[in-house]
Amino acid sequence: MQIVLVLLVAFVAGIEGILDEFEFHQPIVACTLIGLVTNHLNEGLLLGGFLQLIALGWANIGAAVAPDVCLASVISSILMVHGLNSAIEARFVIAFSIALAIPLSLVGLSLTKVCRNLAIQLVHKMDETKKVSYYQWIGICMQGIRVLIPTIVLLLIPSSMICSILEMIPVSIYKGLLIGSGVVCVVGFAIVANVLGSKFTYPFFMIGFGLACMTNLSFISLCFIGGGLVWLYMLLNAKEKSNKTSDDPLGDILNDYE
């Protein structure tokens, strides 16, 4: 039953990678779901959080497609589940999964390019046969199969073989991966902070970093505090816009679209 649920998550995440509707392809969702169905929820959530911080700075711009977070999240989560059955510490297994997710995202990028090229042929078929919805479903399912097939191949590999390979790696390499995974996450967050940074947002960043150092705060309390800060920012931003008045109404309208 666990294998069926993992395959279902992989297929749906692959579809969402192109639909981008319900965000099942995001690492924080895909890794958490795989961790949930494999009884490793805490580790899956932790891995998804790390990968989500890395992917914060990734975006599709025109014809430039970002690395595929969907395949990276699914495959790295399954490898993490296999690795947790070995004698390696959980933090080292998660660090190894994070390091492996980056090249996997490039592999997924190559696979999605193949699917997009095949989709061009489907568009021509739509024009010829006028069966738009039929070929649309084929194109959508093709993106799900793109993630499903590597997942099936990985699940066919015995867990003992993967564990033995992981146990052959020296602990010093795991320690290096543990440090490197933290640095990469910081870089991903720094890209977003550099884009969103302004005189209005930097105080909230400082408050957030200060609250993160308080270990006695629970996760739920941090969520409420974060939600309150977002609400406060929205109120201040709306008040600032309402106070902006000038003798040039057209200029005010154009400034709203900047």
Protein backbone atom coordinates (compact mmCIF):
# COMPACT_ATOMS: atom_id res chain seq x y z
CA MET A 1 0.00 0.00 0.00
CA GLN A 2 2.88 2.37 0.78
CA ILE A 3 4.37 1.79 -2.69
CA VAL A 4 1.04 2.62 -4.35
CA LEU A 5 0.73 5.83 -2.35
CA VAL A 6 4.31 6.83 -3.16
CA LEU A 7 3.66 6.24 -6.88
CA LEU A 8 0.45 8.27 -6.63
CA VAL A 9 2.30 11.18 -5.01
CA ALA A 10 5.02 10.99 -7.68
CA PHE A 11 2.47 10.99 -10.52
CA VAL A 12 0.41 13.87 -9.11
CA ALA A 13 3.55 15.89 -8.32
CA GLY A 14 4.77 15.39 -11.89
CA ILE A 15 1.46 16.66 -13.26
CA GLU A 16 1.54 19.64 -10.92
CA GLY A 17 5.03 20.45 -12.13
CA ILE A 18 3.47 21.67 -15.38
CA LEU A 19 0.00 22.69 -14.18
CA ASP A 20 1.27 24.68 -11.18
CA GLU A 21 -2.26 24.79 -9.77
CA PHE A 22 -2.29 23.11 -6.34
CA GLU A 23 1.50 23.24 -5.64
CA PHE A 24 1.88 19.48 -5.07
CA HIS A 25 5.22 19.68 -6.88
CA GLN A 26 6.72 22.04 -4.32
CA PRO A 27 9.36 20.32 -2.15
CA ILE A 28 7.65 21.21 1.13
CA VAL A 29 4.51 19.40 -0.11
CA ALA A 30 5.96 16.48 -2.10
CA CYS A 31 8.59 15.51 0.50
CA THR A 32 6.10 15.82 3.34
CA LEU A 33 3.55 13.61 1.56
CA ILE A 34 6.12 10.92 0.85
CA GLY A 35 7.32 11.12 4.44
CA LEU A 36 3.71 10.80 5.58
CA VAL A 37 2.93 7.67 3.56
CA THR A 38 6.22 6.02 4.58
CA ASN A 39 5.89 6.79 8.32
CA HIS A 40 8.77 9.31 8.23
CA LEU A 41 6.79 12.54 8.48
CA ASN A 42 9.31 14.52 10.54
CA GLU A 43 12.22 13.67 8.24
CA GLY A 44 10.14 14.33 5.12
CA LEU A 45 9.04 17.71 6.44
CA LEU A 46 12.62 18.61 7.32
CA LEU A 47 13.93 17.60 3.90
CA GLY A 48 11.11 19.46 2.18
CA GLY A 49 11.84 22.59 4.18
CA PHE A 50 15.51 22.54 3.20
CA LEU A 51 14.74 21.96 -0.48
CA GLN A 52 12.04 24.64 -0.44
CA LEU A 53 14.55 27.19 0.83
CA ILE A 54 16.89 26.23 -2.00
CA ALA A 55 14.12 26.46 -4.61
CA LEU A 56 12.87 29.86 -3.43
CA GLY A 57 15.15 31.59 -5.89
CA TRP A 58 14.19 29.36 -8.82
CA ALA A 59 11.66 30.64 -11.35
CA ASN A 60 10.75 30.16 -15.00
CA ILE A 61 11.52 33.32 -16.99
CA GLY A 62 10.27 33.20 -20.56
CA ALA A 63 11.81 30.25 -22.36
CA ALA A 64 14.37 29.75 -19.58
CA VAL A 65 13.08 26.86 -17.47
CA ALA A 66 14.21 26.50 -13.87
CA PRO A 67 15.58 23.18 -12.57
CA ASP A 68 12.89 20.61 -11.88
CA VAL A 69 12.11 20.61 -8.16
CA CYS A 70 9.44 17.94 -8.61
CA LEU A 71 11.70 15.04 -9.62
CA ALA A 72 14.35 16.19 -7.17
CA SER A 73 11.88 16.21 -4.28
CA VAL A 74 10.35 12.82 -5.02
CA ILE A 75 13.55 10.90 -5.70
CA SER A 76 15.52 12.46 -2.85
CA SER A 77 12.66 11.70 -0.45
CA ILE A 78 12.62 8.03 -1.46
CA LEU A 79 16.40 7.82 -1.09
CA MET A 80 16.05 9.41 2.34
CA VAL A 81 13.49 6.78 3.37
CA HIS A 82 15.87 4.00 2.25
CA GLY A 83 18.78 5.67 4.02
CA LEU A 84 16.90 5.94 7.31
CA ASN A 85 16.90 2.14 7.44
CA SER A 86 20.70 2.11 7.54
CA ALA A 87 23.09 2.71 10.41
CA ILE A 88 23.76 6.29 9.26
CA GLU A 89 22.42 9.13 11.42
CA ALA A 90 19.23 10.75 10.18
CA ARG A 91 20.83 14.21 9.86
CA PHE A 92 23.54 12.78 7.60
CA VAL A 93 20.97 10.97 5.46
CA ILE A 94 18.97 14.19 5.04
CA ALA A 95 22.13 16.11 4.12
CA PHE A 96 23.01 13.47 1.52
CA SER A 97 19.48 13.68 0.08
CA ILE A 98 19.73 17.46 -0.17
CA ALA A 99 23.06 17.22 -1.99
CA LEU A 100 21.65 14.63 -4.39
CA ALA A 101 18.53 16.70 -5.07
CA ILE A 102 20.49 19.40 -6.91
CA PRO A 103 21.84 17.16 -9.74
CA LEU A 104 18.48 15.37 -9.81
CA SER A 105 16.79 18.69 -10.57
CA LEU A 106 19.00 19.04 -13.65
CA VAL A 107 18.07 15.51 -14.75
CA GLY A 108 14.43 16.41 -14.32
CA LEU A 109 15.00 19.54 -16.39
CA SER A 110 16.28 17.39 -19.27
CA LEU A 111 13.28 15.08 -18.99
CA THR A 112 10.78 17.93 -18.99
CA LYS A 113 12.44 19.34 -22.11
CA VAL A 114 11.82 16.01 -23.83
CA CYS A 115 8.18 16.12 -22.74
CA ARG A 116 7.79 19.67 -23.98
CA ASN A 117 9.22 18.71 -27.37
CA LEU A 118 6.77 15.81 -27.58
CA ALA A 119 3.99 18.20 -26.61
CA ILE A 120 4.64 20.14 -29.83
CA GLN A 121 3.61 17.05 -31.78
CA LEU A 122 0.47 16.80 -29.67
CA VAL A 123 -0.42 20.39 -30.58
CA HIS A 124 -0.21 19.47 -34.27
CA LYS A 125 -2.46 16.49 -33.60
CA MET A 126 -4.96 18.81 -31.93
CA ASP A 127 -5.03 20.99 -35.02
CA GLU A 128 -5.55 17.97 -37.29
CA THR A 129 -8.14 16.02 -35.30
CA LYS A 130 -9.79 18.84 -33.29
CA LYS A 131 -9.65 16.55 -30.21
CA VAL A 132 -8.27 19.19 -27.89
CA SER A 133 -9.21 17.76 -24.49
CA TYR A 134 -8.03 14.26 -25.44
CA TYR A 135 -4.50 15.35 -26.36
CA GLN A 136 -4.40 17.78 -23.45
CA TRP A 137 -4.85 14.87 -21.05
CA ILE A 138 -2.13 12.94 -22.86
CA GLY A 139 0.26 15.86 -22.46
CA ILE A 140 -0.60 16.27 -18.78
CA CYS A 141 -0.21 12.57 -18.02
CA MET A 142 3.09 12.58 -19.90
CA GLN A 143 4.48 14.96 -17.30
CA GLY A 144 3.31 12.64 -14.52
CA ILE A 145 4.93 9.62 -16.20
CA ARG A 146 8.15 11.61 -16.43
CA VAL A 147 8.42 11.43 -12.64
CA LEU A 148 6.65 8.09 -12.23
CA ILE A 149 9.12 6.03 -14.27
CA PRO A 150 12.27 7.08 -12.31
CA THR A 151 10.31 6.49 -9.10
CA ILE A 152 9.43 2.93 -10.16
CA VAL A 153 13.06 2.25 -11.11
CA LEU A 154 14.26 3.47 -7.73
CA LEU A 155 11.66 1.42 -5.85
CA LEU A 156 12.83 -1.72 -7.68
CA ILE A 157 16.31 -1.32 -6.19
CA PRO A 158 16.58 -3.29 -2.93
CA SER A 159 16.75 -1.12 0.16
CA SER A 160 19.66 -3.19 1.50
CA MET A 161 21.76 -2.29 -1.54
CA ILE A 162 21.14 1.44 -1.08
CA CYS A 163 21.88 1.19 2.65
CA SER A 164 25.15 -0.65 2.02
CA ILE A 165 26.25 2.04 -0.44
CA LEU A 166 25.43 4.79 2.04
CA GLU A 167 27.32 3.02 4.81
CA MET A 168 30.44 2.85 2.61
CA ILE A 169 30.66 6.66 2.48
CA PRO A 170 33.02 8.10 5.13
CA VAL A 171 31.51 10.15 7.95
CA SER A 172 33.75 13.10 7.05
CA ILE A 173 31.95 13.41 3.70
CA TYR A 174 28.58 13.38 5.45
CA LYS A 175 29.77 16.17 7.74
CA GLY A 176 30.83 18.22 4.73
CA LEU A 177 27.47 17.64 3.05
CA LEU A 178 25.73 18.67 6.26
CA ILE A 179 27.54 22.01 6.27
CA GLY A 180 27.13 22.51 2.53
CA SER A 181 23.39 21.84 2.62
CA GLY A 182 22.95 24.59 5.19
CA VAL A 183 24.97 27.04 3.10
CA VAL A 184 22.97 26.31 -0.07
CA CYS A 185 19.70 26.93 1.77
CA VAL A 186 20.98 30.28 2.98
CA VAL A 187 21.91 31.25 -0.59
CA GLY A 188 18.41 30.40 -1.82
CA PHE A 189 16.83 32.50 0.89
CA ALA A 190 19.31 35.33 0.25
CA ILE A 191 18.19 35.55 -3.39
CA VAL A 192 14.60 36.07 -2.31
CA ALA A 193 15.60 38.51 0.44
CA ASN A 194 17.62 40.50 -2.08
CA VAL A 195 14.58 40.76 -4.37
CA LEU A 196 12.05 41.55 -1.65
CA GLY A 197 14.35 43.64 0.48
CA SER A 198 13.29 47.24 1.07
CA LYS A 199 13.09 49.70 3.94
CA PHE A 200 9.64 48.30 4.76
CA THR A 201 10.55 44.58 4.72
CA TYR A 202 13.97 44.59 6.39
CA PRO A 203 12.52 45.26 9.89
CA PHE A 204 10.33 42.17 9.50
CA PHE A 205 13.35 40.12 8.46
CA MET A 206 15.18 41.26 11.58
CA ILE A 207 12.19 40.41 13.80
CA GLY A 208 11.90 36.99 12.16
CA PHE A 209 15.58 36.17 12.63
CA GLY A 210 15.37 37.25 16.26
CA LEU A 211 12.32 35.08 16.92
CA ALA A 212 13.99 32.11 15.23
CA CYS A 213 16.72 32.19 17.88
CA MET A 214 14.16 31.74 20.65
CA THR A 215 14.05 27.97 20.96
CA ASN A 216 11.28 27.96 23.57
CA LEU A 217 8.71 29.13 20.99
CA SER A 218 6.65 26.36 19.42
CA PHE A 219 6.10 26.00 15.68
CA ILE A 220 2.45 27.00 16.00
CA SER A 221 3.31 30.17 17.89
CA LEU A 222 5.86 31.12 15.23
CA CYS A 223 3.18 30.64 12.57
CA PHE A 224 0.80 32.95 14.43
CA ILE A 225 3.53 35.56 14.90
CA GLY A 226 4.48 35.33 11.22
CA GLY A 227 0.87 35.67 10.16
CA GLY A 228 0.46 38.70 12.40
CA LEU A 229 3.55 40.35 10.93
CA VAL A 230 2.27 39.74 7.39
CA TRP A 231 -1.08 41.24 8.32
CA LEU A 232 0.65 44.24 9.88
CA TYR A 233 2.73 44.77 6.75
CA MET A 234 -0.37 44.64 4.55
CA LEU A 235 -2.11 47.22 6.72
CA LEU A 236 0.90 49.56 6.68
CA ASN A 237 1.30 49.14 2.93
CA ALA A 238 -2.37 49.92 2.30
CA LYS A 239 -2.17 52.98 4.56
CA GLU A 240 0.89 54.26 2.73
CA LYS A 241 -0.86 53.94 -0.63
CA SER A 242 -3.94 55.76 0.64
CA ASN A 243 -1.81 58.68 1.87
CA LYS A 244 -0.19 59.16 -1.54
CA THR A 245 -1.97 62.08 -3.18
CA SER A 246 -0.76 64.38 -5.89
CA ASP A 247 -2.01 66.81 -8.52
CA ASP A 248 -1.34 64.27 -11.25
CA PRO A 249 -4.03 61.53 -11.15
CA LEU A 250 -2.67 59.90 -14.30
CA GLY A 251 0.77 59.73 -12.77
CA ASP A 252 -0.67 58.06 -9.68
CA ILE A 253 -2.34 55.41 -11.83
CA LEU A 254 0.89 54.73 -13.73
CA ASN A 255 2.83 54.48 -10.47
CA ASP A 256 0.48 51.74 -9.29
CA TYR A 257 1.59 49.59 -12.25
CA GLU A 258 5.31 49.99 -11.60
